[in-house]
Amino acid sequence: MTILDIRVGEAPNPKLSAREIEVLTTWLVCDSKSEASRSLYLSMGTVNTHLTRIRAKYSAVGRTAPTKATLLVRALQDGFIDIDDL
């Protein structure tokens, strides 16, 4: 099974907070972390901290996401972002 085989509702929920989802989706549609931090009025360190925690939560439920591409797949699978938003 690949990461694309898991469908919404079948995958273990990482239980991201609303702010973590906001940071994740903003970063996914931006060109860089610095652009996301400016957009959200956060420091780069805060964005990095959120992304580290998001990755840890996904890892804790057995759905690792070490790259931006895999985090994008996870966000699509979990309905945090839609392909039309990209």
C-alpha atoms as a PDB file:
ATOM      1  CA  MET A   1       0.000   0.000   0.000  1.00  0.00           C
ATOM      2  CA  THR A   2       1.278   3.504  -0.825  1.00  0.00           C
ATOM      3  CA  ILE A   3       0.558   6.800   0.899  1.00  0.00           C
ATOM      4  CA  LEU A   4      -1.981   7.564  -1.817  1.00  0.00           C
ATOM      5  CA  ASP A   5      -3.991   4.392  -1.094  1.00  0.00           C
ATOM      6  CA  ILE A   6      -5.344   5.641   2.242  1.00  0.00           C
ATOM      7  CA  ARG A   7      -8.668   7.391   1.877  1.00  0.00           C
ATOM      8  CA  VAL A   8     -10.304   9.986   4.128  1.00  0.00           C
ATOM      9  CA  GLY A   9     -11.981   8.309   7.084  1.00  0.00           C
ATOM     10  CA  GLU A  10      -9.770   5.192   6.885  1.00  0.00           C
ATOM     11  CA  ALA A  11      -6.553   6.789   8.126  1.00  0.00           C
ATOM     12  CA  PRO A  12      -5.724   7.267  11.811  1.00  0.00           C
ATOM     13  CA  ASN A  13      -6.432  10.842  12.878  1.00  0.00           C
ATOM     14  CA  PRO A  14      -3.358  12.851  13.976  1.00  0.00           C
ATOM     15  CA  LYS A  15      -5.630  15.247  15.953  1.00  0.00           C
ATOM     16  CA  LEU A  16      -4.112  18.486  14.718  1.00  0.00           C
ATOM     17  CA  SER A  17      -5.208  21.706  16.388  1.00  0.00           C
ATOM     18  CA  ALA A  18      -6.961  24.406  14.377  1.00  0.00           C
ATOM     19  CA  ARG A  19      -3.781  26.517  14.475  1.00  0.00           C
ATOM     20  CA  GLU A  20      -1.653  23.593  13.278  1.00  0.00           C
ATOM     21  CA  ILE A  21      -4.039  23.061  10.367  1.00  0.00           C
ATOM     22  CA  GLU A  22      -3.883  26.788   9.563  1.00  0.00           C
ATOM     23  CA  VAL A  23      -0.075  26.789   9.581  1.00  0.00           C
ATOM     24  CA  LEU A  24       0.096  23.579   7.540  1.00  0.00           C
ATOM     25  CA  THR A  25      -2.334  24.695   4.848  1.00  0.00           C
ATOM     26  CA  THR A  26      -0.827  28.175   4.598  1.00  0.00           C
ATOM     27  CA  TRP A  27       2.651  26.708   4.181  1.00  0.00           C
ATOM     28  CA  LEU A  28       1.408  24.246   1.564  1.00  0.00           C
ATOM     29  CA  VAL A  29       0.007  27.000  -0.659  1.00  0.00           C
ATOM     30  CA  CYS A  30       2.961  29.353  -0.131  1.00  0.00           C
ATOM     31  CA  ASP A  31       6.299  29.166  -1.886  1.00  0.00           C
ATOM     32  CA  SER A  32       8.274  29.085   1.354  1.00  0.00           C
ATOM     33  CA  LYS A  33       8.158  28.958   5.128  1.00  0.00           C
ATOM     34  CA  SER A  34       9.180  32.616   5.251  1.00  0.00           C
ATOM     35  CA  GLU A  35       6.196  33.557   3.075  1.00  0.00           C
ATOM     36  CA  ALA A  36       3.898  31.502   5.313  1.00  0.00           C
ATOM     37  CA  SER A  37       5.320  33.151   8.435  1.00  0.00           C
ATOM     38  CA  ARG A  38       4.725  36.624   6.979  1.00  0.00           C
ATOM     39  CA  SER A  39       1.200  35.683   5.918  1.00  0.00           C
ATOM     40  CA  LEU A  40       0.329  34.393   9.395  1.00  0.00           C
ATOM     41  CA  TYR A  41       2.283  37.085  11.303  1.00  0.00           C
ATOM     42  CA  LEU A  42       4.410  34.401  12.962  1.00  0.00           C
ATOM     43  CA  SER A  43       8.146  34.054  13.337  1.00  0.00           C
ATOM     44  CA  MET A  44       9.918  31.482  11.185  1.00  0.00           C
ATOM     45  CA  GLY A  45      10.764  29.584  14.373  1.00  0.00           C
ATOM     46  CA  THR A  46       7.077  29.329  15.299  1.00  0.00           C
ATOM     47  CA  VAL A  47       6.206  27.984  11.832  1.00  0.00           C
ATOM     48  CA  ASN A  48       9.017  25.437  12.131  1.00  0.00           C
ATOM     49  CA  THR A  49       7.818  24.418  15.607  1.00  0.00           C
ATOM     50  CA  HIS A  50       4.274  23.870  14.320  1.00  0.00           C
ATOM     51  CA  LEU A  51       5.527  21.804  11.379  1.00  0.00           C
ATOM     52  CA  THR A  52       7.732  19.712  13.668  1.00  0.00           C
ATOM     53  CA  ARG A  53       4.763  19.000  15.939  1.00  0.00           C
ATOM     54  CA  ILE A  54       2.531  18.208  12.955  1.00  0.00           C
ATOM     55  CA  ARG A  55       5.079  15.714  11.649  1.00  0.00           C
ATOM     56  CA  ALA A  56       5.377  14.162  15.121  1.00  0.00           C
ATOM     57  CA  LYS A  57       1.603  13.758  15.387  1.00  0.00           C
ATOM     58  CA  TYR A  58       1.443  12.062  11.994  1.00  0.00           C
ATOM     59  CA  SER A  59       4.337   9.818  12.946  1.00  0.00           C
ATOM     60  CA  ALA A  60       2.639   8.905  16.238  1.00  0.00           C
ATOM     61  CA  VAL A  61      -0.354   7.489  14.327  1.00  0.00           C
ATOM     62  CA  GLY A  62       1.848   5.608  11.867  1.00  0.00           C
ATOM     63  CA  ARG A  63       1.549   8.021   8.963  1.00  0.00           C
ATOM     64  CA  THR A  64       5.010   9.529   8.618  1.00  0.00           C
ATOM     65  CA  ALA A  65       5.348  12.730   6.630  1.00  0.00           C
ATOM     66  CA  PRO A  66       9.002  13.758   6.435  1.00  0.00           C
ATOM     67  CA  THR A  67       8.682  15.973   3.345  1.00  0.00           C
ATOM     68  CA  LYS A  68       6.456  18.781   2.150  1.00  0.00           C
ATOM     69  CA  ALA A  69       5.099  16.452  -0.542  1.00  0.00           C
ATOM     70  CA  THR A  70       4.016  13.838   1.983  1.00  0.00           C
ATOM     71  CA  LEU A  71       2.495  16.491   4.234  1.00  0.00           C
ATOM     72  CA  LEU A  72       0.528  17.692   1.205  1.00  0.00           C
ATOM     73  CA  VAL A  73      -0.738  14.155   0.625  1.00  0.00           C
ATOM     74  CA  ARG A  74      -1.725  13.866   4.308  1.00  0.00           C
ATOM     75  CA  ALA A  75      -3.556  17.209   4.206  1.00  0.00           C
ATOM     76  CA  LEU A  76      -5.443  16.114   1.087  1.00  0.00           C
ATOM     77  CA  GLN A  77      -6.290  12.714   2.610  1.00  0.00           C
ATOM     78  CA  ASP A  78      -7.556  14.307   5.809  1.00  0.00           C
ATOM     79  CA  GLY A  79      -9.575  17.004   4.052  1.00  0.00           C
ATOM     80  CA  PHE A  80      -7.559  19.919   5.443  1.00  0.00           C
ATOM     81  CA  ILE A  81      -6.960  21.246   1.945  1.00  0.00           C
ATOM     82  CA  ASP A  82      -8.535  20.701  -1.452  1.00  0.00           C
ATOM     83  CA  ILE A  83      -6.653  20.253  -4.711  1.00  0.00           C
ATOM     84  CA  ASP A  84      -8.369  23.425  -5.990  1.00  0.00           C
ATOM     85  CA  ASP A  85      -6.696  25.417  -3.195  1.00  0.00           C
ATOM     86  CA  LEU A  86      -3.255  24.695  -4.626  1.00  0.00           C
END
